[in-house]
């Protein structure tokens, strides 16, 4: 078994230093975030709603077509 150097922390005693390093790293990463402007948010929301509506229409058409096929096959 290899011996670790004495200046290297391990085990339970290293947890507070690891937590504080994690918090420092997270703060620095949060500072790098570039938030979109209101105009971009509105535009992106409109695009998403448009795609959802198109997908709903496509699924509805396929559902109606398959329901008609099943109805013809079952003779009801």
Protein backbone atom coordinates (compact mmCIF):
# COMPACT_ATOMS: atom_id res chain seq x y z
CA UNK A 1 0.00 0.00 0.00
CA UNK A 2 1.45 3.35 -1.01
CA UNK A 3 1.69 6.11 1.59
CA UNK A 4 0.11 9.45 0.80
CA UNK A 5 2.06 12.64 1.39
CA UNK A 6 1.23 14.28 4.73
CA UNK A 7 0.13 17.60 3.16
CA UNK A 8 -2.58 15.87 1.13
CA UNK A 9 -5.94 15.76 2.95
CA UNK A 10 -8.06 12.65 2.79
CA UNK A 11 -11.17 11.29 4.36
CA UNK A 12 -13.64 13.24 6.48
CA UNK A 13 -11.25 16.08 7.27
CA UNK A 14 -11.12 17.04 3.58
CA UNK A 15 -14.89 17.50 3.20
CA UNK A 16 -15.12 21.17 4.33
CA UNK A 17 -12.31 22.22 1.99
CA UNK A 18 -13.89 20.30 -0.88
CA UNK A 19 -17.26 21.93 -0.23
CA UNK A 20 -15.76 25.42 -0.11
CA UNK A 21 -13.84 24.77 -3.36
CA UNK A 22 -17.05 23.52 -4.96
CA UNK A 23 -18.94 26.67 -3.89
CA UNK A 24 -16.14 28.94 -5.20
CA UNK A 25 -16.12 27.09 -8.52
CA UNK A 26 -19.90 27.36 -8.82
CA UNK A 27 -19.84 31.11 -8.14
CA UNK A 28 -17.24 31.62 -10.87
CA UNK A 29 -19.28 29.55 -13.33
CA UNK A 30 -22.49 31.46 -12.55
CA UNK A 31 -20.70 34.73 -13.33
CA UNK A 32 -20.01 33.41 -16.86
CA UNK A 33 -23.72 33.01 -17.71
CA UNK A 34 -25.02 35.31 -20.44
CA UNK A 35 -28.77 35.71 -20.10
CA UNK A 36 -30.85 36.34 -23.24
CA UNK A 37 -32.68 39.61 -23.69
CA UNK A 38 -36.45 40.00 -23.61
CA UNK A 39 -36.72 40.15 -27.40
CA UNK A 40 -34.82 36.87 -27.82
CA UNK A 41 -36.91 35.15 -25.13
CA UNK A 42 -40.15 36.24 -26.81
CA UNK A 43 -38.85 35.11 -30.22
CA UNK A 44 -37.72 31.72 -28.93
CA UNK A 45 -41.03 31.22 -27.12
CA UNK A 46 -42.96 31.97 -30.31
CA UNK A 47 -40.84 29.48 -32.25
CA UNK A 48 -41.43 26.76 -29.65
CA UNK A 49 -45.18 27.38 -29.57
CA UNK A 50 -45.25 27.29 -33.39
CA UNK A 51 -43.45 23.95 -33.51
CA UNK A 52 -45.73 22.51 -30.82
CA UNK A 53 -48.80 23.55 -32.80
CA UNK A 54 -47.43 22.03 -36.01
CA UNK A 55 -46.59 18.79 -34.19
CA UNK A 56 -50.08 18.69 -32.66
CA UNK A 57 -51.67 19.07 -36.09
CA UNK A 58 -49.47 16.33 -37.58
CA UNK A 59 -50.24 13.93 -34.72
CA UNK A 60 -53.95 14.76 -35.00
CA UNK A 61 -53.98 14.04 -38.73
CA UNK A 62 -52.20 10.71 -38.24
CA UNK A 63 -54.57 9.82 -35.41
CA UNK A 64 -57.63 10.58 -37.51
CA UNK A 65 -56.23 8.63 -40.48
CA UNK A 66 -55.38 5.59 -38.38
CA UNK A 67 -58.77 5.73 -36.65
CA UNK A 68 -60.43 5.68 -40.07
CA UNK A 69 -58.31 2.71 -41.20
CA UNK A 70 -59.09 0.76 -38.01
CA UNK A 71 -62.76 1.60 -38.36
CA UNK A 72 -62.76 0.27 -41.95
CA UNK A 73 -60.90 -2.91 -40.95
CA UNK A 74 -63.23 -3.66 -38.05
CA UNK A 75 -66.32 -2.77 -40.09
CA UNK A 76 -67.86 -0.55 -37.47
